[in-house]
Structures are given as structure tokens and as C-alpha cells.
Amino acid sequence: MENQTILLIFFVIIGYLSGSIPFGYLIAKLKKIDIRKQGSGNIGGTNVGRTLGFKYGTLVSVLDILKAIIPIYVAGHYLTQDWQMALVSISPVLGHIFPIWLKFKGGKGVATVAATIFMILGLNYSLIFLTIWALSLFVIKIMSLTNLIIALFLPILFWIETKSSAYVVLAFVYILLIWWTHRENIKRLRQGTESRIIK
């Protein structure tokens, strides 16, 4: 039991530090651009894509996904309980949103949440989730609103796949985090000034 506690603390710390790596900021910095002063000011793939182009935005998104998948994957070989894996799963998300390297001011956490969704739901349900998200984005045409709406379905999907109360609680925490990090987007949505990613 003591070893499991030590391992849990270790993987939560590693997950947080991994999630804290600000790939969007670093890649933009290589182009001599402070991404925090461009567009929405966010360090995530969407803002990087708008500022530097599609390929850089895609690269940042992929790296943000990997920085969450890797610690969760490794932890899964040592931790066995759902509540332990739920804590490890949220640690890179918190690292991305509150990175220690950028004075705890990071991104919105969507890519890192997506990574944990993949690890929890598995390939089949993740593909279904991705398809629903893509179709919703095509219809809604606004990235932030799509993310806000789709997040609401996470508790149902987590319960269907895992039947685990720990993961359902995690899903509700994700909803709170995503809606909180999108608070400026919500203001712009109410004002009708939010950018459309598809015109």
C-alpha cells in the first residue's frame, strides 16, 4: 500500500511536469514570436495555428496530446485502481492549464483532456467521440462552442465505457475546467464576436 502511494505521488508529479511543458510557447519562441501576445493569447494549438499556420498548430496539438498520453501510459503499468489513474490523468491537464514554467498561466487544456479521453475510452469509443466532435465542429463552425458542448457528454461516455465512479467524477471536473478556461470565449460568444474557425 505504501509503495502504491509513493508511485501515485511520483506519477502525479511527473504528469504535472510533463503537462507543464509549453510546446506552443516554445515553438512560437523559435519563430521569435511570443504567442501569448498574439491572437487570443493562448499557448494551445488553435492559437498557434492561427498565428503561425496549420502545420505548426497541428504540431503543437500533437505534442500537447503526447505529453499527457505518455505519463498515463507508463503509470498504467504500475497503478491498478481507477481513482489512482484518474488522479494521474488529470495531472497533465492541470500542468497544461497551470504550468509552473509560465507562472501558472497556460492553455485551455483541450488537447490534454482529449489525450486522457483516448486513454480512458480506448480506440473504438475515442474514434466515435472524435467523429462526433468533428461533425459538431463542421455544423457549429466555432471551435470554442464545440468544445464546450461536447465536454458535457464526457460523464455519459466515461460511465458507458468504465462503469467507474472515479472516472465519472473526473469527467465532471473536466467540464468545470474546460468551461472555466473558456470563460473569455463564453463572453465573446454572448457578444457574438467569437471567431469562427470555419467560414
Protein backbone atom coordinates (compact mmCIF):
# COMPACT_ATOMS: atom_id res chain seq x y z
CA MET A 1 0.00 0.00 0.00
CA GLU A 2 2.85 2.36 0.89
CA ASN A 3 4.60 1.62 -2.40
CA GLN A 4 1.40 2.34 -4.32
CA THR A 5 1.08 5.70 -2.56
CA ILE A 6 4.66 6.63 -3.41
CA LEU A 7 4.15 5.57 -7.03
CA LEU A 8 0.93 7.56 -7.22
CA ILE A 9 2.60 10.72 -5.92
CA PHE A 10 5.52 10.16 -8.31
CA PHE A 11 3.31 9.76 -11.39
CA VAL A 12 1.09 12.71 -10.44
CA ILE A 13 4.18 14.93 -10.17
CA ILE A 14 5.63 13.57 -13.43
CA GLY A 15 2.25 14.04 -15.12
CA TYR A 16 2.02 17.63 -13.94
CA LEU A 17 5.56 18.49 -15.01
CA SER A 18 5.04 16.84 -18.38
CA GLY A 19 1.78 18.72 -18.87
CA SER A 20 3.54 21.94 -17.91
CA ILE A 21 5.85 21.81 -20.95
CA PRO A 22 4.54 24.81 -23.00
CA PHE A 23 5.09 23.47 -26.51
CA GLY A 24 3.03 26.23 -28.11
CA TYR A 25 5.06 28.91 -26.37
CA LEU A 26 8.40 27.23 -27.14
CA ILE A 27 7.69 26.59 -30.83
CA ALA A 28 6.45 30.14 -31.34
CA LYS A 29 9.53 31.41 -29.50
CA LEU A 30 11.72 29.63 -32.06
CA LYS A 31 9.98 31.82 -34.65
CA LYS A 32 10.74 34.85 -32.43
CA ILE A 33 7.07 35.26 -31.54
CA ASP A 34 5.56 35.44 -28.07
CA ILE A 35 2.35 33.52 -28.71
CA ARG A 36 0.87 34.98 -25.51
CA LYS A 37 0.75 38.35 -27.27
CA GLN A 38 -0.83 37.05 -30.47
CA GLY A 39 -4.46 36.32 -31.29
CA SER A 40 -6.30 35.01 -28.24
CA GLY A 41 -3.06 34.91 -26.24
CA ASN A 42 -3.47 31.18 -25.69
CA ILE A 43 -0.49 28.82 -25.97
CA GLY A 44 -2.52 25.95 -27.43
CA GLY A 45 -2.62 24.54 -30.93
CA THR A 46 -5.59 26.59 -32.15
CA ASN A 47 -3.97 29.96 -31.49
CA VAL A 48 -0.59 28.75 -32.74
CA GLY A 49 -2.29 27.56 -35.92
CA ARG A 50 -3.97 30.91 -36.47
CA THR A 51 -0.69 32.74 -35.85
CA LEU A 52 1.97 30.52 -37.43
CA GLY A 53 -0.02 28.33 -39.77
CA PHE A 54 -1.77 24.97 -39.83
CA LYS A 55 1.33 22.76 -39.65
CA TYR A 56 2.62 24.47 -36.51
CA GLY A 57 -0.79 24.36 -34.89
CA THR A 58 -1.04 20.65 -35.66
CA LEU A 59 2.46 20.02 -34.29
CA VAL A 60 1.62 21.78 -31.02
CA SER A 61 -1.64 19.86 -30.68
CA VAL A 62 0.11 16.52 -31.24
CA LEU A 63 2.82 17.35 -28.71
CA ASP A 64 0.22 18.50 -26.17
CA ILE A 65 -1.57 15.18 -26.64
CA LEU A 66 1.62 13.15 -26.25
CA LYS A 67 2.70 14.96 -23.09
CA ALA A 68 -0.48 13.63 -21.46
CA ILE A 69 -0.57 10.17 -23.03
CA ILE A 70 2.99 9.17 -22.11
CA PRO A 71 2.80 9.59 -18.29
CA ILE A 72 -0.67 8.00 -18.19
CA TYR A 73 0.50 5.05 -20.28
CA VAL A 74 3.54 4.43 -18.08
CA ALA A 75 1.53 4.84 -14.85
CA GLY A 76 -0.96 2.25 -16.11
CA HIS A 77 1.75 -0.40 -15.79
CA TYR A 78 2.16 0.29 -12.07
CA LEU A 79 -1.16 1.59 -10.72
CA THR A 80 -4.27 -0.56 -10.73
CA GLN A 81 -7.11 1.40 -9.14
CA ASP A 82 -9.41 3.71 -11.10
CA TRP A 83 -9.14 6.59 -8.64
CA GLN A 84 -5.33 6.44 -8.90
CA MET A 85 -5.42 6.56 -12.68
CA ALA A 86 -8.00 9.36 -12.56
CA LEU A 87 -5.58 11.45 -10.48
CA VAL A 88 -2.71 10.69 -12.85
CA SER A 89 -4.95 11.51 -15.83
CA ILE A 90 -5.83 14.96 -14.57
CA SER A 91 -2.26 15.89 -13.59
CA PRO A 92 -1.02 16.74 -17.15
CA VAL A 93 -4.25 18.65 -17.76
CA LEU A 94 -3.59 20.77 -14.67
CA GLY A 95 0.02 21.14 -15.76
CA HIS A 96 -1.06 22.46 -19.15
CA ILE A 97 -3.57 24.90 -17.68
CA PHE A 98 -1.34 25.97 -14.78
CA PRO A 99 2.27 25.44 -16.00
CA ILE A 100 4.96 26.09 -13.44
CA TRP A 101 7.27 27.34 -16.21
CA LEU A 102 4.91 30.16 -17.26
CA LYS A 103 3.85 31.42 -13.84
CA PHE A 104 0.82 29.09 -13.86
CA LYS A 105 -0.74 30.80 -16.90
CA GLY A 106 -1.18 28.21 -19.62
CA GLY A 107 -3.61 26.90 -22.19
CA LYS A 108 -7.21 25.75 -22.15
CA GLY A 109 -6.38 22.08 -21.68
CA VAL A 110 -8.47 20.74 -24.58
CA ALA A 111 -5.68 18.70 -26.23
CA THR A 112 -4.51 17.21 -22.94
CA VAL A 113 -8.10 16.36 -21.97
CA ALA A 114 -8.50 14.72 -25.40
CA ALA A 115 -5.43 12.60 -24.68
CA THR A 116 -6.83 11.35 -21.39
CA ILE A 117 -10.16 10.63 -23.08
CA PHE A 118 -8.32 8.40 -25.54
CA MET A 119 -6.52 6.57 -22.71
CA ILE A 120 -9.74 6.05 -20.75
CA LEU A 121 -12.17 5.21 -23.56
CA GLY A 122 -9.84 3.21 -25.77
CA LEU A 123 -9.59 3.35 -29.54
CA ASN A 124 -13.15 2.49 -30.59
CA TYR A 125 -15.01 4.91 -28.33
CA SER A 126 -12.36 7.55 -28.92
CA LEU A 127 -12.92 7.35 -32.68
CA ILE A 128 -16.67 7.70 -32.12
CA PHE A 129 -16.03 10.69 -29.85
CA LEU A 130 -13.66 12.26 -32.39
CA THR A 131 -16.19 11.76 -35.19
CA ILE A 132 -18.95 13.42 -33.15
CA TRP A 133 -16.62 16.30 -32.32
CA ALA A 134 -15.59 16.79 -35.96
CA LEU A 135 -19.19 16.70 -37.21
CA SER A 136 -20.23 19.13 -34.47
CA LEU A 137 -17.40 21.50 -35.42
CA PHE A 138 -18.47 21.30 -39.07
CA VAL A 139 -22.04 22.23 -38.12
CA ILE A 140 -21.31 24.79 -35.36
CA LYS A 141 -18.23 26.26 -37.08
CA ILE A 142 -16.88 27.67 -33.79
CA MET A 143 -14.13 25.73 -32.03
CA SER A 144 -14.76 27.02 -28.51
CA LEU A 145 -18.53 26.41 -28.61
CA THR A 146 -17.96 22.91 -29.98
CA ASN A 147 -15.56 22.10 -27.15
CA LEU A 148 -17.95 23.49 -24.53
CA ILE A 149 -20.87 21.43 -25.80
CA ILE A 150 -19.00 18.18 -26.41
CA ALA A 151 -17.45 18.30 -22.94
CA LEU A 152 -20.92 17.90 -21.45
CA PHE A 153 -21.13 14.37 -22.85
CA LEU A 154 -17.99 13.14 -21.10
CA PRO A 155 -19.66 11.78 -17.92
CA ILE A 156 -22.03 9.66 -20.03
CA LEU A 157 -19.24 8.30 -22.22
CA PHE A 158 -16.98 7.57 -19.24
CA TRP A 159 -19.77 5.72 -17.45
CA ILE A 160 -20.74 3.68 -20.51
CA GLU A 161 -17.15 2.54 -21.04
CA THR A 162 -15.81 2.19 -17.48
CA LYS A 163 -18.78 1.95 -15.09
CA SER A 164 -16.38 3.69 -12.70
CA SER A 165 -17.49 6.47 -10.36
CA ALA A 166 -13.88 7.72 -10.21
CA TYR A 167 -13.84 8.39 -13.95
CA VAL A 168 -17.32 9.94 -13.89
CA VAL A 169 -16.14 12.37 -11.20
CA LEU A 170 -13.09 13.07 -13.36
CA ALA A 171 -15.37 13.84 -16.30
CA PHE A 172 -17.32 16.42 -14.27
CA VAL A 173 -14.04 18.01 -13.14
CA TYR A 174 -13.03 18.22 -16.81
CA ILE A 175 -16.28 20.01 -17.62
CA LEU A 176 -15.61 22.57 -14.89
CA LEU A 177 -12.02 23.09 -16.05
CA ILE A 178 -12.92 23.43 -19.73
CA TRP A 179 -15.74 25.86 -19.06
CA TRP A 180 -13.50 27.86 -16.71
CA THR A 181 -10.62 28.07 -19.19
CA HIS A 182 -13.08 29.11 -21.90
CA ARG A 183 -14.60 31.93 -19.83
CA GLU A 184 -13.32 34.64 -22.21
CA ASN A 185 -14.65 32.65 -25.16
CA ILE A 186 -18.02 32.43 -23.43
CA LYS A 187 -18.06 36.22 -23.09
CA ARG A 188 -17.31 36.61 -26.81
CA LEU A 189 -19.95 34.02 -27.68
CA ARG A 190 -22.54 36.01 -25.73
CA GLN A 191 -21.41 39.17 -27.51
CA GLY A 192 -21.43 37.45 -30.90
CA THR A 193 -17.75 38.27 -31.52
CA GLU A 194 -16.18 34.82 -31.18
CA SER A 195 -14.01 33.81 -34.14
CA ARG A 196 -15.19 31.08 -36.49
CA ILE A 197 -12.61 28.50 -37.41
CA ILE A 198 -14.61 27.52 -40.48
CA LYS A 199 -16.08 30.35 -42.58
